[in-house]
Protein backbone atom coordinates (compact mmCIF):
# COMPACT_ATOMS: atom_id res chain seq x y z
CA UNK A 1 -0.03 -0.05 0.15
CA UNK A 2 1.06 3.62 -0.85
CA UNK A 3 2.32 5.70 1.89
CA UNK A 4 0.42 9.57 1.18
CA UNK A 5 1.99 12.43 3.60
CA UNK A 6 -0.07 15.08 3.37
CA UNK A 7 1.80 17.95 5.06
CA UNK A 8 0.39 21.72 5.72
CA UNK A 9 2.94 24.21 6.04
CA UNK A 10 3.59 26.40 8.67
CA UNK A 11 1.68 30.42 8.81
CA UNK A 12 3.45 33.45 10.19
CA UNK A 13 2.84 34.70 13.01
CA UNK A 14 -0.40 36.65 12.45
CA UNK A 15 -3.63 38.81 13.44
CA UNK A 16 -5.94 36.20 12.24
CA UNK A 17 -3.59 32.79 13.41
CA UNK A 18 -4.25 34.62 16.86
CA UNK A 19 -0.65 32.79 18.00
CA UNK A 20 -0.70 35.11 21.12
CA UNK A 21 -3.77 33.88 22.28
CA UNK A 22 -2.75 30.34 21.25
CA UNK A 23 -0.37 30.50 24.23
CA UNK A 24 -2.35 31.61 26.84
CA UNK A 25 -4.40 28.45 26.45
CA UNK A 26 -1.83 25.82 25.70
CA UNK A 27 -2.89 25.33 22.01
CA UNK A 28 -1.01 24.81 19.11
CA UNK A 29 -2.85 26.42 16.03
CA UNK A 30 -6.16 28.36 15.13
CA UNK A 31 -7.77 26.32 12.27
CA UNK A 32 -7.12 22.73 11.00
CA UNK A 33 -6.00 21.93 7.69
CA UNK A 34 -9.54 21.47 5.77
CA UNK A 35 -8.13 21.46 2.26
CA UNK A 36 -6.14 18.28 2.76
CA UNK A 37 -8.83 16.86 5.24
CA UNK A 38 -11.22 17.39 2.09
CA UNK A 39 -8.35 15.78 0.13
CA UNK A 40 -7.41 13.32 2.25
CA UNK A 41 -11.14 11.58 1.63
CA UNK A 42 -10.76 11.39 -2.00
CA UNK A 43 -8.37 8.88 -1.40
CA UNK A 44 -8.67 5.03 -1.95
CA UNK A 45 -8.48 2.67 0.48
CA UNK A 46 -5.61 1.14 -0.40
CA UNK A 47 -3.35 4.28 0.54
CA UNK A 48 -2.17 4.72 3.54
CA UNK A 49 -2.51 8.21 5.00
CA UNK A 50 -0.65 10.43 7.44
CA UNK A 51 -1.49 14.19 8.09
CA UNK A 52 1.42 16.82 9.51
CA UNK A 53 0.15 19.85 10.38
CA UNK A 54 3.67 22.01 10.68
CA UNK A 55 1.95 24.08 12.71
CA UNK A 56 1.45 21.99 15.04
CA UNK A 57 3.95 19.08 14.83
CA UNK A 58 7.76 19.58 13.20
CA UNK A 59 7.84 18.05 9.98
CA UNK A 60 10.40 15.59 10.67
CA UNK A 61 12.93 13.24 9.17
CA UNK A 62 11.00 9.94 9.05
CA UNK A 63 7.82 11.44 8.16
CA UNK A 64 9.61 11.27 4.52
CA UNK A 65 11.13 8.27 4.89
CA UNK A 66 7.89 6.91 5.36
CA UNK A 67 6.27 8.86 2.98
CA UNK A 68 6.01 7.13 -0.85
CA UNK A 69 4.54 10.62 -1.72
CA UNK A 70 4.13 14.17 -0.03
CA UNK A 71 0.81 16.52 -0.76
CA UNK A 72 0.66 19.71 0.32
CA UNK A 73 -2.44 22.83 -0.41
CA UNK A 74 -0.96 26.12 0.59
CA UNK A 75 -2.43 30.24 0.78
CA UNK A 76 -0.05 32.58 -0.35
CA UNK A 77 0.97 33.21 3.31
CA UNK A 78 2.98 29.68 3.58
CA UNK A 79 5.01 30.65 0.63
CA UNK A 80 8.13 30.26 2.77
CA UNK A 81 7.08 27.67 4.58
CA UNK A 82 6.09 25.27 0.89
CA UNK A 83 9.58 26.32 -0.37
CA UNK A 84 10.90 24.82 2.58
CA UNK A 85 8.96 21.77 2.84
CA UNK A 86 9.77 20.95 -1.18
CA UNK A 87 12.98 21.56 -1.00
CA UNK A 88 13.62 18.74 1.79
CA UNK A 89 11.41 16.39 0.21
CA UNK A 90 13.45 17.13 -3.07
CA UNK A 91 16.34 16.16 -0.67
CA UNK A 92 14.72 13.06 0.23
CA UNK A 93 13.77 12.15 -3.43
CA UNK A 94 10.29 12.31 -2.49
CA UNK A 95 7.73 12.83 -5.15
CA UNK A 96 5.90 16.48 -3.97
CA UNK A 97 2.28 17.53 -5.23
CA UNK A 98 1.07 20.49 -4.70
CA UNK A 99 -2.58 22.10 -4.64
CA UNK A 100 -4.19 25.03 -2.89
CA UNK A 101 -4.95 28.88 -4.03
CA UNK A 102 -1.68 29.98 -3.86
CA UNK A 103 -0.24 27.12 -6.40
CA UNK A 104 -3.79 27.23 -8.02
CA UNK A 105 -2.72 30.81 -9.35
CA UNK A 106 1.40 31.45 -9.14
CA UNK A 107 2.39 27.83 -9.68
CA UNK A 108 4.45 29.05 -12.48
CA UNK A 109 6.87 30.52 -9.98
CA UNK A 110 7.04 27.95 -7.62
CA UNK A 111 9.74 25.08 -7.82
CA UNK A 112 10.94 21.60 -6.57
CA UNK A 113 7.04 20.31 -7.73
CA UNK A 114 6.32 17.15 -9.35
CA UNK A 115 2.93 17.47 -10.01
CA UNK A 116 0.16 20.54 -9.41
CA UNK A 117 -3.23 19.21 -8.51
CA UNK A 118 -4.65 22.88 -9.23
CA UNK A 119 -8.45 24.66 -8.41
CA UNK A 120 -10.82 22.76 -6.78
CA UNK A 121 -9.91 19.09 -7.12
CA UNK A 122 -13.19 16.96 -6.52
CA UNK A 123 -13.51 15.83 -10.12
CA UNK A 124 -9.57 15.48 -11.15
CA UNK A 125 -7.75 13.57 -8.07
CA UNK A 126 -9.30 10.38 -9.16
CA UNK A 127 -7.56 10.94 -12.80
CA UNK A 128 -4.18 12.02 -11.05
CA UNK A 129 -4.01 9.20 -8.88
CA UNK A 130 -4.62 6.97 -11.80
CA UNK A 131 -2.44 8.28 -13.84
CA UNK A 132 0.33 8.46 -10.82
CA UNK A 133 -0.05 4.88 -10.52
CA UNK A 134 0.35 4.00 -14.39
CA UNK A 135 3.15 5.92 -14.21
CA UNK A 136 1.62 8.57 -16.99
CA UNK A 137 0.93 11.42 -14.57
CA UNK A 138 1.04 15.14 -15.83
CA UNK A 139 2.83 17.99 -14.04
CA UNK A 140 -0.05 20.10 -14.14
CA UNK A 141 -3.92 18.97 -13.38
CA UNK A 142 -6.79 21.89 -14.00
CA UNK A 143 -10.50 21.48 -13.24
CA UNK A 144 -12.47 22.96 -16.06
CA UNK A 145 -15.34 23.86 -14.44
CA UNK A 146 -16.61 24.23 -11.19
CA UNK A 147 -17.12 21.05 -9.68
CA UNK A 148 -20.37 19.94 -7.30
CA UNK A 149 -20.16 20.66 -3.80
CA UNK A 150 -23.02 18.13 -3.13
CA UNK A 151 -20.34 15.46 -4.27
CA UNK A 152 -17.97 16.78 -1.61
CA UNK A 153 -17.34 14.28 1.25
CA UNK A 154 -16.58 14.52 4.94
CA UNK A 155 -13.20 15.78 5.99
CA UNK A 156 -11.21 13.31 6.97
CA UNK A 157 -10.57 14.98 10.94
CA UNK A 158 -9.80 11.32 12.42
CA UNK A 159 -6.86 12.08 11.00
CA UNK A 160 -5.65 14.98 13.30
CA UNK A 161 -5.53 15.41 17.07
CA UNK A 162 -8.54 17.77 17.48
CA UNK A 163 -7.33 19.06 21.09
CA UNK A 164 -4.93 20.56 19.34
CA UNK A 165 -6.64 23.35 17.60
CA UNK A 166 -8.73 26.42 18.64
CA UNK A 167 -11.30 25.73 16.32
CA UNK A 168 -12.62 23.43 13.46
CA UNK A 169 -13.42 24.35 9.74
CA UNK A 170 -16.13 23.77 7.59
CA UNK A 171 -17.11 24.63 4.19
CA UNK A 172 -20.97 25.11 3.37
CA UNK A 173 -20.69 27.13 0.18
CA UNK A 174 -17.87 28.39 -2.31
CA UNK A 175 -18.23 31.33 -4.80
CA UNK A 176 -19.41 34.90 -3.93
CA UNK A 177 -22.00 36.86 -5.84
CA UNK A 178 -20.43 40.19 -5.86
CA UNK A 179 -17.15 40.80 -7.95
CA UNK A 180 -14.96 43.44 -6.17
CA UNK A 181 -12.34 44.75 -7.69
CA UNK A 182 -9.09 43.61 -5.26
CA UNK A 183 -10.72 40.03 -4.22
CA UNK A 184 -9.45 36.89 -6.03
CA UNK A 185 -12.48 34.87 -4.51
CA UNK A 186 -14.70 35.24 -7.95
CA UNK A 187 -11.13 33.61 -9.98
CA UNK A 188 -10.22 31.10 -8.14
CA UNK A 189 -14.40 30.12 -6.96
CA UNK A 190 -16.62 31.14 -9.78
CA UNK A 191 -19.96 34.23 -8.80
CA UNK A 192 -22.05 31.53 -8.67
CA UNK A 193 -22.20 30.35 -4.91
CA UNK A 194 -22.24 26.52 -4.93
CA UNK A 195 -23.54 25.19 -1.52
CA UNK A 196 -23.40 21.92 0.03
CA UNK A 197 -26.77 20.17 1.40
CA UNK A 198 -27.97 21.08 5.19
CA UNK A 199 -27.43 17.13 5.80
CA UNK A 200 -23.85 17.63 4.02
CA UNK A 201 -22.99 19.96 6.87
CA UNK A 202 -24.45 18.24 9.26
CA UNK A 203 -22.58 14.92 8.68
CA UNK A 204 -19.76 16.91 9.14
CA UNK A 205 -20.92 18.80 12.55
CA UNK A 206 -22.04 14.90 13.93
CA UNK A 207 -17.72 13.85 12.95
CA UNK A 208 -16.89 16.46 15.10
CA UNK A 209 -18.94 15.72 17.75
CA UNK A 210 -18.75 12.19 17.59
CA UNK A 211 -14.77 12.71 17.95
CA UNK A 212 -15.52 14.63 21.17
CA UNK A 213 -15.19 18.42 19.80
CA UNK A 214 -17.34 21.27 21.90
CA UNK A 215 -16.21 24.31 21.40
CA UNK A 216 -15.48 26.88 18.18
CA UNK A 217 -16.68 25.49 14.78
CA UNK A 218 -15.44 28.24 11.58
CA UNK A 219 -17.55 28.37 8.68
CA UNK A 220 -14.78 28.99 6.43
CA UNK A 221 -16.92 30.42 3.06
CA UNK A 222 -16.09 33.33 1.86
CA UNK A 223 -19.18 34.78 1.91
CA UNK A 224 -21.52 32.12 3.98
CA UNK A 225 -24.27 34.98 2.58
CA UNK A 226 -24.15 34.58 -1.02
CA UNK A 227 -26.31 32.31 -2.08
CA UNK A 228 -29.22 33.36 0.86
CA UNK A 229 -31.62 30.84 0.39
CA UNK A 230 -29.80 27.72 1.08
CA UNK A 231 -28.17 29.55 3.72
CA UNK A 232 -31.35 30.00 5.44
CA UNK A 233 -32.24 26.21 5.05
CA UNK A 234 -29.08 25.42 6.57
CA UNK A 235 -29.02 27.44 9.24
CA UNK A 236 -32.76 26.36 10.92
CA UNK A 237 -30.69 22.83 10.13
CA UNK A 238 -27.94 23.79 12.46
CA UNK A 239 -30.26 25.13 14.66
CA UNK A 240 -32.07 22.22 15.60
CA UNK A 241 -29.36 20.18 15.64
CA UNK A 242 -27.59 22.30 18.05
CA UNK A 243 -30.56 22.28 20.07
CA UNK A 244 -30.53 18.83 20.54
CA UNK A 245 -27.19 18.61 21.34
CA UNK A 246 -27.70 21.42 23.36
CA UNK A 247 -25.17 23.80 21.07
CA UNK A 248 -21.84 22.20 21.50
CA UNK A 249 -20.47 24.15 18.63
CA UNK A 250 -20.11 28.24 18.99
CA UNK A 251 -19.98 29.24 15.57
CA UNK A 252 -18.67 32.23 13.78
CA UNK A 253 -18.50 32.49 9.19
CA UNK A 254 -17.65 35.62 7.01
CA UNK A 255 -20.37 37.61 5.33
CA UNK A 256 -20.92 40.33 2.92
CA UNK A 257 -22.30 44.07 4.96
CA UNK A 258 -25.40 43.21 2.94
CA UNK A 259 -26.09 40.33 6.11
CA UNK A 260 -27.57 43.64 7.93
CA UNK A 261 -30.58 43.75 5.47
CA UNK A 262 -31.37 40.17 6.05
CA UNK A 263 -33.53 40.36 9.44
CA UNK A 264 -34.22 36.29 8.97
CA UNK A 265 -31.31 35.03 8.30
CA UNK A 266 -29.51 36.94 11.30
CA UNK A 267 -32.42 35.62 13.32
CA UNK A 268 -31.51 32.15 12.35
CA UNK A 269 -28.05 32.56 12.13
CA UNK A 270 -28.53 33.59 16.25
CA UNK A 271 -30.71 30.63 16.69
CA UNK A 272 -28.24 28.23 14.89
CA UNK A 273 -25.56 29.74 17.52
CA UNK A 274 -23.81 32.22 15.82
CA UNK A 275 -21.86 34.58 17.97
CA UNK A 276 -19.54 36.58 15.41
CA UNK A 277 -19.73 37.07 11.73
CA UNK A 278 -16.70 38.47 9.82
CA UNK A 279 -17.83 41.49 7.19
CA UNK A 280 -15.25 43.38 4.64
CA UNK A 281 -15.43 46.57 5.39
CA UNK A 282 -12.63 47.85 3.70
CA UNK A 283 -12.74 51.80 4.50
CA UNK A 284 -16.01 54.24 5.13
CA UNK A 285 -15.06 56.08 2.28
CA UNK A 286 -18.32 55.77 -0.38
CA UNK A 287 -16.00 56.70 -3.51
CA UNK A 288 -13.58 53.83 -2.75
CA UNK A 289 -15.64 51.30 -2.36
CA UNK A 290 -17.34 52.25 -6.00
CA UNK A 291 -13.66 52.01 -7.38
CA UNK A 292 -13.04 49.04 -5.88
CA UNK A 293 -16.40 48.06 -7.22
CA UNK A 294 -18.10 47.33 -3.94
CA UNK A 295 -21.86 47.88 -3.86
CA UNK A 296 -22.66 46.11 -1.26
CA UNK A 297 -21.28 48.23 0.62
CA UNK A 298 -23.17 51.68 -0.21
CA UNK A 299 -26.55 53.42 0.07
CA UNK A 300 -27.14 56.27 -1.65
CA UNK A 301 -30.18 56.85 0.59
CA UNK A 302 -28.82 56.35 4.24
CA UNK A 303 -25.70 58.10 5.04
CA UNK A 304 -24.46 56.44 7.59
CA UNK A 305 -25.12 53.07 5.99
CA UNK A 306 -21.74 50.70 6.93
CA UNK A 307 -21.68 52.42 10.48
CA UNK A 308 -25.83 51.17 11.14
CA UNK A 309 -24.53 48.02 9.56
CA UNK A 310 -22.48 47.45 12.12
CA UNK A 311 -24.88 47.95 14.85
CA UNK A 312 -27.58 45.96 13.28
CA UNK A 313 -25.45 42.97 13.58
CA UNK A 314 -23.92 43.95 16.93
CA UNK A 315 -27.83 44.24 18.16
CA UNK A 316 -29.25 41.40 17.36
CA UNK A 317 -26.61 39.03 19.33
CA UNK A 318 -23.53 38.77 17.15
CA UNK A 319 -20.05 39.99 17.21
CA UNK A 320 -18.83 42.14 14.02
CA UNK A 321 -15.37 41.57 12.99
CA UNK A 322 -13.72 43.49 10.38
CA UNK A 323 -10.48 43.87 6.81
CA UNK A 324 -9.88 47.17 6.28
CA UNK A 325 -7.76 48.47 3.46
CA UNK A 326 -5.52 51.26 3.06
CA UNK A 327 -3.59 52.45 0.12
CA UNK A 328 -7.26 52.68 -2.35
CA UNK A 329 -7.58 55.07 -4.94
CA UNK A 330 -9.38 58.15 -4.07
CA UNK A 331 -7.84 57.71 -0.42
CA UNK A 332 -6.54 61.02 0.90
CA UNK A 333 -5.11 62.08 4.12
CA UNK A 334 -7.73 62.23 5.98
CA UNK A 335 -8.04 58.36 5.16
CA UNK A 336 -6.07 57.84 8.45
CA UNK A 337 -8.35 58.99 11.10
CA UNK A 338 -11.47 58.36 9.34
CA UNK A 339 -10.49 54.25 9.45
CA UNK A 340 -9.40 54.99 13.52
CA UNK A 341 -12.95 57.07 13.95
CA UNK A 342 -14.77 54.75 12.27
CA UNK A 343 -13.38 51.49 13.99
CA UNK A 344 -13.25 53.13 17.58
CA UNK A 345 -17.33 54.92 17.29
CA UNK A 346 -19.17 51.64 16.07
CA UNK A 347 -16.82 49.40 18.11
CA UNK A 348 -15.40 46.90 16.20
CA UNK A 349 -12.56 45.66 18.20
CA UNK A 350 -11.20 42.52 16.26
CA UNK A 351 -9.80 44.91 13.42
CA UNK A 352 -7.70 43.76 10.59
CA UNK A 353 -6.48 46.77 8.67
CA UNK A 354 -3.76 46.39 5.98
CA UNK A 355 -2.39 47.81 2.51
CA UNK A 356 -4.02 47.33 -0.27
CA UNK A 357 -2.63 44.40 -2.64
CA UNK A 358 -2.63 43.53 -6.01
CA UNK A 359 -3.27 39.86 -6.54
CA UNK A 360 -2.35 38.18 -9.76
CA UNK A 361 -5.32 37.44 -11.95
CA UNK A 362 -7.79 39.99 -9.77
CA UNK A 363 -10.00 42.91 -11.75
CA UNK A 364 -7.05 45.97 -9.51
CA UNK A 365 -4.25 43.89 -10.96
CA UNK A 366 -5.43 43.70 -14.88
CA UNK A 367 -6.47 47.50 -14.20
CA UNK A 368 -2.85 48.19 -12.77
CA UNK A 369 -0.89 46.49 -14.91
CA UNK A 370 -2.84 48.32 -18.34
CA UNK A 371 -2.14 52.21 -15.69
CA UNK A 372 1.64 50.56 -16.10
CA UNK A 373 1.73 51.19 -12.15
CA UNK A 374 2.34 47.34 -10.80
CA UNK A 375 6.20 47.09 -9.40
CA UNK A 376 8.39 44.89 -11.12
CA UNK A 377 8.39 42.85 -8.16
CA UNK A 378 5.47 41.49 -6.21
CA UNK A 379 6.67 42.36 -2.46
CA UNK A 380 5.13 42.21 0.35
CA UNK A 381 2.24 39.51 -1.40
CA UNK A 382 3.81 37.05 1.13
CA UNK A 383 0.97 38.95 4.06
CA UNK A 384 -2.13 40.00 1.20
CA UNK A 385 -4.63 41.60 2.82
CA UNK A 386 -7.41 38.99 1.44
CA UNK A 387 -5.73 36.19 3.39
CA UNK A 388 -6.80 37.59 6.38
CA UNK A 389 -3.96 36.49 8.20
CA UNK A 390 -1.52 38.74 8.51
CA UNK A 391 -0.72 42.44 8.06
CA UNK A 392 0.45 43.84 4.66
CA UNK A 393 3.38 46.12 5.36
CA UNK A 394 4.85 46.40 1.62
CA UNK A 395 3.53 47.71 -1.55
CA UNK A 396 3.60 45.67 -5.23
CA UNK A 397 2.01 48.97 -6.71
CA UNK A 398 2.37 52.56 -7.54
CA UNK A 399 -0.63 54.07 -5.26
CA UNK A 400 -1.80 57.12 -5.97
CA UNK A 401 -1.36 58.83 -2.73
CA UNK A 402 2.79 59.24 -1.49
CA UNK A 403 4.11 56.38 -0.59
CA UNK A 404 5.53 57.80 2.48
CA UNK A 405 2.33 59.90 3.72
CA UNK A 406 0.72 55.91 3.10
CA UNK A 407 3.14 54.06 5.30
CA UNK A 408 3.28 56.98 7.78
CA UNK A 409 -0.63 57.27 7.62
CA UNK A 410 -1.01 52.86 7.51
CA UNK A 411 1.67 52.75 10.91
CA UNK A 412 -0.15 55.24 12.61
CA UNK A 413 -3.65 53.58 12.07
CA UNK A 414 -2.54 50.49 13.83
CA UNK A 415 -0.86 51.59 16.85
CA UNK A 416 -3.80 53.87 17.41
CA UNK A 417 -6.00 50.72 17.30
CA UNK A 418 -3.69 48.81 19.12
CA UNK A 419 -1.79 51.13 21.21
CA UNK A 420 1.10 49.42 23.54
CA UNK A 421 -1.56 50.53 26.77
CA UNK A 422 -4.43 49.04 25.11
CA UNK A 423 -6.41 51.71 25.80
CA UNK A 424 -8.26 51.98 22.41
CA UNK A 425 -8.23 48.52 22.32
CA UNK A 426 -10.69 48.28 25.53
CA UNK A 427 -12.91 51.66 24.42
CA UNK A 428 -14.11 49.75 21.32
CA UNK A 429 -15.24 46.28 24.07
CA UNK A 430 -16.93 48.51 25.93
CA UNK A 431 -18.78 50.32 23.16
CA UNK A 432 -19.61 46.50 21.50
CA UNK A 433 -20.42 44.94 24.85
CA UNK A 434 -23.20 47.52 25.36
CA UNK A 435 -24.58 47.11 22.19
CA UNK A 436 -24.43 43.36 21.43
CA UNK A 437 -27.58 41.71 22.72
CA UNK A 438 -27.06 38.98 24.92
CA UNK A 439 -28.37 35.55 23.52
CA UNK A 440 -28.74 32.65 26.77
CA UNK A 441 -28.26 29.95 24.10
CA UNK A 442 -24.84 31.87 23.27
CA UNK A 443 -23.22 32.41 26.75
CA UNK A 444 -21.09 29.79 27.57
CA UNK A 445 -20.80 30.20 31.52
CA UNK A 446 -17.91 29.63 33.22
CA UNK A 447 -17.82 28.36 37.31
CA UNK A 448 -16.17 31.63 39.58
CA UNK A 449 -12.96 29.45 39.78
CA UNK A 450 -12.92 29.19 36.62
CA UNK A 451 -13.86 32.71 35.65
CA UNK A 452 -10.83 33.72 38.39
CA UNK A 453 -7.80 31.67 36.46
CA UNK A 454 -8.90 32.33 33.05
CA UNK A 455 -8.47 36.54 34.48
CA UNK A 456 -5.27 36.09 35.88
CA UNK A 457 -4.05 33.83 32.93
CA UNK A 458 -4.42 37.07 30.44
CA UNK A 459 -3.19 39.71 33.38
CA UNK A 460 0.07 37.65 33.34
CA UNK A 461 0.71 37.98 30.04
CA UNK A 462 0.00 41.56 29.86
CA UNK A 463 2.69 44.39 30.36
CA UNK A 464 2.91 46.80 33.10
CA UNK A 465 1.38 49.75 30.86
CA UNK A 466 -2.04 47.34 30.61
CA UNK A 467 -2.57 45.95 32.96
CA UNK A 468 -4.41 49.70 33.83
CA UNK A 469 -6.21 49.26 31.03
CA UNK A 470 -7.25 45.65 31.59
CA UNK A 471 -8.31 46.30 35.10
CA UNK A 472 -10.86 48.90 34.40
CA UNK A 473 -12.61 46.67 32.06
CA UNK A 474 -12.58 43.41 33.94
CA UNK A 475 -14.28 45.57 36.82
CA UNK A 476 -16.55 47.23 33.94
CA UNK A 477 -17.70 44.92 32.55
CA UNK A 478 -18.31 42.93 35.65
CA UNK A 479 -20.76 45.56 37.25
CA UNK A 480 -22.38 46.46 33.97
CA UNK A 481 -22.36 43.31 31.83
CA UNK A 482 -21.23 40.65 34.21
CA UNK A 483 -23.24 37.99 31.61
CA UNK A 484 -20.65 38.96 29.36
CA UNK A 485 -17.28 38.13 31.48
CA UNK A 486 -16.46 35.45 29.42
CA UNK A 487 -16.80 37.21 25.86
CA UNK A 488 -14.60 40.19 27.69
CA UNK A 489 -11.61 37.32 28.86
CA UNK A 490 -11.59 36.09 25.24
CA UNK A 491 -11.56 39.90 24.17
CA UNK A 492 -8.68 40.53 26.35
CA UNK A 493 -6.65 37.94 25.17
CA UNK A 494 -7.07 38.61 21.51
CA UNK A 495 -6.58 42.45 22.50
CA UNK A 496 -2.88 41.46 24.13
CA UNK A 497 -2.43 38.84 20.58
CA UNK A 498 -2.77 42.38 18.30
CA UNK A 499 -1.10 44.58 20.25
CA UNK A 500 1.95 42.08 20.11
CA UNK A 501 1.67 41.55 16.17
CA UNK A 502 0.89 45.57 15.82
CA UNK A 503 4.56 45.66 17.70
CA UNK A 504 6.09 42.84 15.47
CA UNK A 505 4.45 44.59 12.30
CA UNK A 506 5.84 47.91 12.74
CA UNK A 507 9.05 47.06 13.71
CA UNK A 508 9.84 45.20 10.34
CA UNK A 509 8.44 48.72 9.43
CA UNK A 510 10.51 50.57 10.81
């Protein structure tokens, strides 16, 4: 039986990876390698499978000695680790098969890989394995069409140690109906969202439940509400499943801002156990939003549309996390204060602000190429904003704004949002908790002893500058929002992490 080693390269420290939070709670990684686990389910039984997530355990020489083949899946932020993996495999004489978003777009820039299986692989993987066994495997396999995800198998969560992760991951849909200029999602997955059936998703929930998982589950869809009708059906099914089992999972996902206009769907998400949602807000500047082809973030009839959307979702009972971009065309020097003021006033603790990156094959990339504004060397894409995993501290294009002004403004925004004392961060947390409707089945009660231990665990990590703001924050929440104290502790841990990452990034910037 052939031995197939599925290797997931390392992520660099990042906002989205919550590395420093994981240290506090002694967890190894934020999310499992969902793509690889899905590919694992496509292998026939005659293969011996082993998964090495390098974010959890190192890739040992013994693993390479065991392997007949190494399969990898990566995003752009993992490119340096992928290069290291391929070099080690090449030295060990083990063939490498690469797939995932990064190779799909940049395979012509990747060396050391024997076979590329690109795009979505449900309908090509069997052909590739057959050719491989026959000795006729080609260098590149591409999916000629977008596959039917109702045929996608349940990921092999049994191949990993689920206790090593902060959250499990599940995918419901692929594709997004919007075509934002800077985004590569529609290029990778199309503009017609394809969805799994509710039964498929519940099968994945059930497997995780049987494996003993009782915590966070991230629905990794790039836009969970891309197909509103199917999403509504799903949340109804999840709500029944969760209620029958006492709500073992806390759910979160990504969506477009127009979720705020979908009352029935939001109510269904709350009933299903969603306690937070990540929105691509980008900027409060309507002119820049229109230029980037993001109409879902603009309303001609409502002056404070974005603010009101965030507030409505918070009042429904879901925390809003947000992605923001600087360096957009039509940004001026007022963009920096506008970002800070918006994020502070509406109460978005987890605000990921990055510089715009022109990702290959996007409409933005094509436009900037026509305008002769792309830089010859694409620096900074390893920290691309769209991957939501790190802060981009470099530019791969010529912005309209003076570069020095942009870079200094960007630095000021992130160091204000995550200042060394965390005062601004805890102010945002309090604003959130003042508007976040408590939902009984979303609140996970903790004993007084557990609360005390958690409070002290976070406090021990904070610097002397941060302790006063943290102490006042916990005291105020204990007095005014006692049911939200567990959430407040989690937010405080996240704040510690964000400030640490910001400090690292500004050091790189400097």
